[in-house]
Amino acid sequence: MILSSFILLIMGMGTTFVFLFVLIICTNISSKVSSKYAYLMPEPEPKKAKPAAKPAAAAAGNEDEIAAAIAVALVKHAGK
């Protein structure tokens, strides 16, 4: 029973080790091949930075106008 569990342990760890080793080799080969043919795909153009957004109070106008609009909305809402 213990011997079969050790065999299973060695087989599982060995399979994982072999798989990871093959994965590393394939990744290295893929990296070398892709760097060799990288000239076929041009680099994307950098995106232009968007201008900074204005604060809400500056974009909406004067604070007194905002307060007046809120007051009008409250009066209309209360009248219904």
PDB file of N, CA and C in Angstrom:
ATOM      1  N   MET A   1       0.830  -1.191   0.000  1.00  0.00           N
ATOM      2  CA  MET A   1       0.000   0.000   0.000  1.00  0.00           C
ATOM      3  C   MET A   1       0.878   1.260   0.000  1.00  0.00           C
ATOM      4  N   ILE A   2       1.849   1.323   0.886  1.00  0.00           N
ATOM      5  CA  ILE A   2       2.729   2.487   0.946  1.00  0.00           C
ATOM      6  C   ILE A   2       3.617   2.527  -0.292  1.00  0.00           C
ATOM      7  N   LEU A   3       4.063   1.363  -0.751  1.00  0.00           N
ATOM      8  CA  LEU A   3       4.906   1.320  -1.945  1.00  0.00           C
ATOM      9  C   LEU A   3       4.153   1.846  -3.170  1.00  0.00           C
ATOM     10  N   SER A   4       2.895   1.472  -3.311  1.00  0.00           N
ATOM     11  CA  SER A   4       2.118   1.953  -4.459  1.00  0.00           C
ATOM     12  C   SER A   4       1.859   3.462  -4.356  1.00  0.00           C
ATOM     13  N   SER A   5       1.720   3.983  -3.139  1.00  0.00           N
ATOM     14  CA  SER A   5       1.531   5.423  -2.988  1.00  0.00           C
ATOM     15  C   SER A   5       2.806   6.182  -3.337  1.00  0.00           C
ATOM     16  N   PHE A   6       3.976   5.632  -3.013  1.00  0.00           N
ATOM     17  CA  PHE A   6       5.234   6.264  -3.399  1.00  0.00           C
ATOM     18  C   PHE A   6       5.435   6.227  -4.914  1.00  0.00           C
ATOM     19  N   ILE A   7       5.049   5.136  -5.537  1.00  0.00           N
ATOM     20  CA  ILE A   7       5.148   5.040  -7.003  1.00  0.00           C
ATOM     21  C   ILE A   7       4.245   6.085  -7.650  1.00  0.00           C
ATOM     22  N   LEU A   8       3.019   6.202  -7.130  1.00  0.00           N
ATOM     23  CA  LEU A   8       2.092   7.208  -7.645  1.00  0.00           C
ATOM     24  C   LEU A   8       2.639   8.622  -7.428  1.00  0.00           C
ATOM     25  N   LEU A   9       3.273   8.859  -6.283  1.00  0.00           N
ATOM     26  CA  LEU A   9       3.871  10.158  -5.988  1.00  0.00           C
ATOM     27  C   LEU A   9       4.984  10.483  -6.973  1.00  0.00           C
ATOM     28  N   ILE A  10       5.862   9.549  -7.215  1.00  0.00           N
ATOM     29  CA  ILE A  10       6.983   9.748  -8.137  1.00  0.00           C
ATOM     30  C   ILE A  10       6.481   9.940  -9.566  1.00  0.00           C
ATOM     31  N   MET A  11       5.479   9.167  -9.966  1.00  0.00           N
ATOM     32  CA  MET A  11       4.944   9.302 -11.323  1.00  0.00           C
ATOM     33  C   MET A  11       4.278  10.673 -11.515  1.00  0.00           C
ATOM     34  N   GLY A  12       3.527  11.108 -10.531  1.00  0.00           N
ATOM     35  CA  GLY A  12       2.849  12.398 -10.628  1.00  0.00           C
ATOM     36  C   GLY A  12       3.829  13.556 -10.660  1.00  0.00           C
ATOM     37  N   MET A  13       4.808  13.534  -9.761  1.00  0.00           N
ATOM     38  CA  MET A  13       5.794  14.610  -9.727  1.00  0.00           C
ATOM     39  C   MET A  13       6.687  14.571 -10.965  1.00  0.00           C
ATOM     40  N   GLY A  14       7.010  13.395 -11.431  1.00  0.00           N
ATOM     41  CA  GLY A  14       7.824  13.269 -12.638  1.00  0.00           C
ATOM     42  C   GLY A  14       7.096  13.791 -13.860  1.00  0.00           C
ATOM     43  N   THR A  15       5.815  13.473 -13.962  1.00  0.00           N
ATOM     44  CA  THR A  15       5.013  13.963 -15.088  1.00  0.00           C
ATOM     45  C   THR A  15       4.939  15.483 -15.065  1.00  0.00           C
ATOM     46  N   THR A  16       4.729  16.057 -13.884  1.00  0.00           N
ATOM     47  CA  THR A  16       4.669  17.504 -13.756  1.00  0.00           C
ATOM     48  C   THR A  16       6.004  18.141 -14.123  1.00  0.00           C
ATOM     49  N   PHE A  17       7.098  17.560 -13.651  1.00  0.00           N
ATOM     50  CA  PHE A  17       8.420  18.090 -13.946  1.00  0.00           C
ATOM     51  C   PHE A  17       8.706  18.053 -15.449  1.00  0.00           C
ATOM     52  N   VAL A  18       8.391  16.943 -16.082  1.00  0.00           N
ATOM     53  CA  VAL A  18       8.627  16.812 -17.518  1.00  0.00           C
ATOM     54  C   VAL A  18       7.764  17.810 -18.286  1.00  0.00           C
ATOM     55  N   PHE A  19       6.507  17.945 -17.900  1.00  0.00           N
ATOM     56  CA  PHE A  19       5.623  18.885 -18.576  1.00  0.00           C
ATOM     57  C   PHE A  19       6.147  20.316 -18.451  1.00  0.00           C
ATOM     58  N   LEU A  20       6.558  20.728 -17.251  1.00  0.00           N
ATOM     59  CA  LEU A  20       7.067  22.085 -17.063  1.00  0.00           C
ATOM     60  C   LEU A  20       8.369  22.300 -17.826  1.00  0.00           C
ATOM     61  N   PHE A  21       9.214  21.297 -17.885  1.00  0.00           N
ATOM     62  CA  PHE A  21      10.463  21.399 -18.637  1.00  0.00           C
ATOM     63  C   PHE A  21      10.185  21.585 -20.124  1.00  0.00           C
ATOM     64  N   VAL A  22       9.261  20.802 -20.666  1.00  0.00           N
ATOM     65  CA  VAL A  22       8.890  20.927 -22.076  1.00  0.00           C
ATOM     66  C   VAL A  22       8.244  22.286 -22.331  1.00  0.00           C
ATOM     67  N   LEU A  23       7.440  22.778 -21.392  1.00  0.00           N
ATOM     68  CA  LEU A  23       6.806  24.084 -21.521  1.00  0.00           C
ATOM     69  C   LEU A  23       7.840  25.203 -21.574  1.00  0.00           C
ATOM     70  N   ILE A  24       8.871  25.129 -20.752  1.00  0.00           N
ATOM     71  CA  ILE A  24       9.942  26.130 -20.761  1.00  0.00           C
ATOM     72  C   ILE A  24      10.687  26.098 -22.089  1.00  0.00           C
ATOM     73  N   ILE A  25      10.979  24.915 -22.589  1.00  0.00           N
ATOM     74  CA  ILE A  25      11.681  24.799 -23.868  1.00  0.00           C
ATOM     75  C   ILE A  25      10.832  25.385 -24.999  1.00  0.00           C
ATOM     76  N   CYS A  26       9.549  25.057 -25.026  1.00  0.00           N
ATOM     77  CA  CYS A  26       8.668  25.588 -26.071  1.00  0.00           C
ATOM     78  C   CYS A  26       8.532  27.106 -25.974  1.00  0.00           C
ATOM     79  N   THR A  27       8.478  27.644 -24.760  1.00  0.00           N
ATOM     80  CA  THR A  27       8.396  29.088 -24.580  1.00  0.00           C
ATOM     81  C   THR A  27       9.652  29.776 -25.088  1.00  0.00           C
ATOM     82  N   ASN A  28      10.808  29.216 -24.805  1.00  0.00           N
ATOM     83  CA  ASN A  28      12.063  29.797 -25.284  1.00  0.00           C
ATOM     84  C   ASN A  28      12.149  29.751 -26.808  1.00  0.00           C
ATOM     85  N   ILE A  29      11.745  28.649 -27.394  1.00  0.00           N
ATOM     86  CA  ILE A  29      11.774  28.531 -28.857  1.00  0.00           C
ATOM     87  C   ILE A  29      10.805  29.538 -29.471  1.00  0.00           C
ATOM     88  N   SER A  30       9.616  29.657 -28.905  1.00  0.00           N
ATOM     89  CA  SER A  30       8.629  30.600 -29.409  1.00  0.00           C
ATOM     90  C   SER A  30       9.129  32.041 -29.295  1.00  0.00           C
ATOM     91  N   SER A  31       9.824  32.344 -28.231  1.00  0.00           N
ATOM     92  CA  SER A  31      10.366  33.685 -28.052  1.00  0.00           C
ATOM     93  C   SER A  31      11.422  34.000 -29.103  1.00  0.00           C
ATOM     94  N   LYS A  32      12.285  33.045 -29.384  1.00  0.00           N
ATOM     95  CA  LYS A  32      13.330  33.258 -30.387  1.00  0.00           C
ATOM     96  C   LYS A  32      12.741  33.400 -31.790  1.00  0.00           C
ATOM     97  N   VAL A  33      11.747  32.584 -32.102  1.00  0.00           N
ATOM     98  CA  VAL A  33      11.131  32.647 -33.432  1.00  0.00           C
ATOM     99  C   VAL A  33      10.362  33.958 -33.597  1.00  0.00           C
ATOM    100  N   SER A  34       9.613  34.361 -32.572  1.00  0.00           N
ATOM    101  CA  SER A  34       8.831  35.584 -32.685  1.00  0.00           C
ATOM    102  C   SER A  34       9.721  36.821 -32.734  1.00  0.00           C
ATOM    103  N   SER A  35      10.848  36.815 -32.048  1.00  0.00           N
ATOM    104  CA  SER A  35      11.747  37.965 -32.124  1.00  0.00           C
ATOM    105  C   SER A  35      12.427  38.035 -33.488  1.00  0.00           C
ATOM    106  N   LYS A  36      12.611  36.894 -34.117  1.00  0.00           N
ATOM    107  CA  LYS A  36      13.235  36.867 -35.439  1.00  0.00           C
ATOM    108  C   LYS A  36      12.316  37.479 -36.484  1.00  0.00           C
ATOM    109  N   TYR A  37      11.022  37.258 -36.376  1.00  0.00           N
ATOM    110  CA  TYR A  37      10.059  37.745 -37.356  1.00  0.00           C
ATOM    111  C   TYR A  37       9.235  38.919 -36.835  1.00  0.00           C
ATOM    112  N   ALA A  38       9.723  39.631 -35.841  1.00  0.00           N
ATOM    113  CA  ALA A  38       8.977  40.747 -35.258  1.00  0.00           C
ATOM    114  C   ALA A  38       8.848  41.913 -36.221  1.00  0.00           C
ATOM    115  N   TYR A  39       9.737  42.015 -37.184  1.00  0.00           N
ATOM    116  CA  TYR A  39       9.683  43.123 -38.130  1.00  0.00           C
ATOM    117  C   TYR A  39       8.446  43.048 -39.021  1.00  0.00           C
ATOM    118  N   LEU A  40       7.806  41.910 -39.112  1.00  0.00           N
ATOM    119  CA  LEU A  40       6.622  41.761 -39.953  1.00  0.00           C
ATOM    120  C   LEU A  40       5.395  42.440 -39.351  1.00  0.00           C
ATOM    121  N   MET A  41       5.396  42.608 -38.042  1.00  0.00           N
ATOM    122  CA  MET A  41       4.265  43.236 -37.363  1.00  0.00           C
ATOM    123  C   MET A  41       4.727  44.568 -36.788  1.00  0.00           C
ATOM    124  N   PRO A  42       4.251  45.688 -37.321  1.00  0.00           N
ATOM    125  CA  PRO A  42       4.699  46.989 -36.829  1.00  0.00           C
ATOM    126  C   PRO A  42       4.188  47.255 -35.411  1.00  0.00           C
ATOM    127  N   GLU A  43       4.911  48.115 -34.723  1.00  0.00           N
ATOM    128  CA  GLU A  43       4.515  48.485 -33.363  1.00  0.00           C
ATOM    129  C   GLU A  43       3.264  49.363 -33.427  1.00  0.00           C
ATOM    130  N   PRO A  44       2.342  49.192 -32.496  1.00  0.00           N
ATOM    131  CA  PRO A  44       1.153  50.052 -32.496  1.00  0.00           C
ATOM    132  C   PRO A  44       1.534  51.486 -32.135  1.00  0.00           C
ATOM    133  N   GLU A  45       0.797  52.431 -32.725  1.00  0.00           N
ATOM    134  CA  GLU A  45       1.066  53.828 -32.436  1.00  0.00           C
ATOM    135  C   GLU A  45       0.634  54.141 -31.014  1.00  0.00           C
ATOM    136  N   PRO A  46       1.431  54.952 -30.307  1.00  0.00           N
ATOM    137  CA  PRO A  46       1.032  55.293 -28.937  1.00  0.00           C
ATOM    138  C   PRO A  46      -0.231  56.141 -28.932  1.00  0.00           C
ATOM    139  N   LYS A  47      -1.067  55.902 -27.953  1.00  0.00           N
ATOM    140  CA  LYS A  47      -2.320  56.641 -27.854  1.00  0.00           C
ATOM    141  C   LYS A  47      -2.038  58.050 -27.338  1.00  0.00           C
ATOM    142  N   LYS A  48      -2.790  58.999 -27.884  1.00  0.00           N
ATOM    143  CA  LYS A  48      -2.635  60.380 -27.449  1.00  0.00           C
ATOM    144  C   LYS A  48      -3.326  60.547 -26.102  1.00  0.00           C
ATOM    145  N   ALA A  49      -2.697  61.334 -25.245  1.00  0.00           N
ATOM    146  CA  ALA A  49      -3.268  61.572 -23.921  1.00  0.00           C
ATOM    147  C   ALA A  49      -4.480  62.480 -24.044  1.00  0.00           C
ATOM    148  N   LYS A  50      -5.521  62.135 -23.340  1.00  0.00           N
ATOM    149  CA  LYS A  50      -6.725  62.950 -23.345  1.00  0.00           C
ATOM    150  C   LYS A  50      -6.511  64.156 -22.432  1.00  0.00           C
ATOM    151  N   PRO A  51      -7.091  65.289 -22.761  1.00  0.00           N
ATOM    152  CA  PRO A  51      -6.945  66.447 -21.876  1.00  0.00           C
ATOM    153  C   PRO A  51      -7.645  66.181 -20.549  1.00  0.00           C
ATOM    154  N   ALA A  52      -7.101  66.794 -19.514  1.00  0.00           N
ATOM    155  CA  ALA A  52      -7.645  66.576 -18.178  1.00  0.00           C
ATOM    156  C   ALA A  52      -9.055  67.151 -18.091  1.00  0.00           C
ATOM    157  N   ALA A  53      -9.916  66.440 -17.408  1.00  0.00           N
ATOM    158  CA  ALA A  53     -11.301  66.879 -17.257  1.00  0.00           C
ATOM    159  C   ALA A  53     -11.374  68.039 -16.270  1.00  0.00           C
ATOM    160  N   LYS A  54     -12.299  68.957 -16.543  1.00  0.00           N
ATOM    161  CA  LYS A  54     -12.482  70.089 -15.651  1.00  0.00           C
ATOM    162  C   LYS A  54     -13.281  69.639 -14.444  1.00  0.00           C
ATOM    163  N   PRO A  55     -13.095  70.290 -13.302  1.00  0.00           N
ATOM    164  CA  PRO A  55     -13.915  69.952 -12.132  1.00  0.00           C
ATOM    165  C   PRO A  55     -15.390  70.214 -12.416  1.00  0.00           C
ATOM    166  N   ALA A  56     -16.260  69.527 -11.718  1.00  0.00           N
ATOM    167  CA  ALA A  56     -17.694  69.616 -11.978  1.00  0.00           C
ATOM    168  C   ALA A  56     -18.216  71.029 -11.758  1.00  0.00           C
ATOM    169  N   ALA A  57     -17.737  71.719 -10.719  1.00  0.00           N
ATOM    170  CA  ALA A  57     -18.224  73.064 -10.439  1.00  0.00           C
ATOM    171  C   ALA A  57     -17.787  74.027 -11.534  1.00  0.00           C
ATOM    172  N   ALA A  58     -16.582  73.881 -12.037  1.00  0.00           N
ATOM    173  CA  ALA A  58     -16.099  74.778 -13.087  1.00  0.00           C
ATOM    174  C   ALA A  58     -16.800  74.483 -14.405  1.00  0.00           C
ATOM    175  N   ALA A  59     -17.105  73.229 -14.665  1.00  0.00           N
ATOM    176  CA  ALA A  59     -17.759  72.872 -15.915  1.00  0.00           C
ATOM    177  C   ALA A  59     -19.224  73.308 -15.915  1.00  0.00           C
ATOM    178  N   ALA A  60     -19.873  73.273 -14.780  1.00  0.00           N
ATOM    179  CA  ALA A  60     -21.285  73.599 -14.709  1.00  0.00           C
ATOM    180  C   ALA A  60     -21.530  75.105 -14.633  1.00  0.00           C
ATOM    181  N   GLY A  61     -20.578  75.858 -14.204  1.00  0.00           N
ATOM    182  CA  GLY A  61     -20.752  77.311 -14.107  1.00  0.00           C
ATOM    183  C   GLY A  61     -20.639  77.763 -12.671  1.00  0.00           C
ATOM    184  N   ASN A  62     -21.307  78.835 -12.368  1.00  0.00           N
ATOM    185  CA  ASN A  62     -21.249  79.444 -11.057  1.00  0.00           C
ATOM    186  C   ASN A  62     -22.021  78.597 -10.040  1.00  0.00           C
ATOM    187  N   GLU A  63     -21.540  78.592  -8.794  1.00  0.00           N
ATOM    188  CA  GLU A  63     -22.210  77.802  -7.751  1.00  0.00           C
ATOM    189  C   GLU A  63     -23.580  78.385  -7.415  1.00  0.00           C
ATOM    190  N   ASP A  64     -23.733  79.715  -7.564  1.00  0.00           N
ATOM    191  CA  ASP A  64     -25.036  80.325  -7.298  1.00  0.00           C
ATOM    192  C   ASP A  64     -26.074  79.842  -8.297  1.00  0.00           C
ATOM    193  N   GLU A  65     -25.656  79.665  -9.549  1.00  0.00           N
ATOM    194  CA  GLU A  65     -26.578  79.169 -10.563  1.00  0.00           C
ATOM    195  C   GLU A  65     -26.991  77.733 -10.261  1.00  0.00           C
ATOM    196  N   ILE A  66     -26.062  76.952  -9.765  1.00  0.00           N
ATOM    197  CA  ILE A  66     -26.368  75.562  -9.412  1.00  0.00           C
ATOM    198  C   ILE A  66     -27.363  75.525  -8.260  1.00  0.00           C
ATOM    199  N   ALA A  67     -27.122  76.377  -7.244  1.00  0.00           N
ATOM    200  CA  ALA A  67     -28.030  76.423  -6.099  1.00  0.00           C
ATOM    201  C   ALA A  67     -29.419  76.871  -6.533  1.00  0.00           C
ATOM    202  N   ALA A  68     -29.484  77.822  -7.434  1.00  0.00           N
ATOM    203  CA  ALA A  68     -30.784  78.293  -7.918  1.00  0.00           C
ATOM    204  C   ALA A  68     -31.520  77.196  -8.673  1.00  0.00           C
ATOM    205  N   ALA A  69     -30.799  76.455  -9.483  1.00  0.00           N
ATOM    206  CA  ALA A  69     -31.427  75.362 -10.230  1.00  0.00           C
ATOM    207  C   ALA A  69     -31.951  74.296  -9.288  1.00  0.00           C
ATOM    208  N   ILE A  70     -31.209  74.002  -8.240  1.00  0.00           N
ATOM    209  CA  ILE A  70     -31.670  73.007  -7.258  1.00  0.00           C
ATOM    210  C   ILE A  70     -32.916  73.515  -6.550  1.00  0.00           C
ATOM    211  N   ALA A  71     -32.916  74.811  -6.183  1.00  0.00           N
ATOM    212  CA  ALA A  71     -34.074  75.378  -5.499  1.00  0.00           C
ATOM    213  C   ALA A  71     -35.314  75.324  -6.397  1.00  0.00           C
ATOM    214  N   VAL A  72     -35.175  75.646  -7.669  1.00  0.00           N
ATOM    215  CA  VAL A  72     -36.301  75.598  -8.597  1.00  0.00           C
ATOM    216  C   VAL A  72     -36.820  74.163  -8.717  1.00  0.00           C
ATOM    217  N   ALA A  73     -35.911  73.202  -8.800  1.00  0.00           N
ATOM    218  CA  ALA A  73     -36.333  71.804  -8.918  1.00  0.00           C
ATOM    219  C   ALA A  73     -37.080  71.353  -7.668  1.00  0.00           C
ATOM    220  N   LEU A  74     -36.616  71.790  -6.495  1.00  0.00           N
ATOM    221  CA  LEU A  74     -37.310  71.412  -5.257  1.00  0.00           C
ATOM    222  C   LEU A  74     -38.715  72.035  -5.196  1.00  0.00           C
ATOM    223  N   VAL A  75     -38.827  73.290  -5.632  1.00  0.00           N
ATOM    224  CA  VAL A  75     -40.142  73.956  -5.590  1.00  0.00           C
ATOM    225  C   VAL A  75     -41.101  73.251  -6.547  1.00  0.00           C
ATOM    226  N   LYS A  76     -40.628  72.905  -7.739  1.00  0.00           N
ATOM    227  CA  LYS A  76     -41.485  72.215  -8.714  1.00  0.00           C
ATOM    228  C   LYS A  76     -41.888  70.833  -8.218  1.00  0.00           C
ATOM    229  N   HIS A  77     -40.940  70.153  -7.560  1.00  0.00           N
ATOM    230  CA  HIS A  77     -41.226  68.812  -7.059  1.00  0.00           C
ATOM    231  C   HIS A  77     -42.216  68.857  -5.899  1.00  0.00           C
ATOM    232  N   ALA A  78     -42.062  69.861  -5.037  1.00  0.00           N
ATOM    233  CA  ALA A  78     -42.952  69.966  -3.874  1.00  0.00           C
ATOM    234  C   ALA A  78     -44.360  70.377  -4.303  1.00  0.00           C
ATOM    235  N   GLY A  79     -44.487  71.066  -5.422  1.00  0.00           N
ATOM    236  CA  GLY A  79     -45.796  71.519  -5.902  1.00  0.00           C
ATOM    237  C   GLY A  79     -46.653  70.409  -6.463  1.00  0.00           C
ATOM    238  N   LYS A  80     -46.122  69.289  -6.785  1.00  0.00           N
ATOM    239  CA  LYS A  80     -46.896  68.188  -7.394  1.00  0.00           C
ATOM    240  C   LYS A  80     -47.647  67.403  -6.381  1.00  0.00           C
TER     241      LYS A  80
END
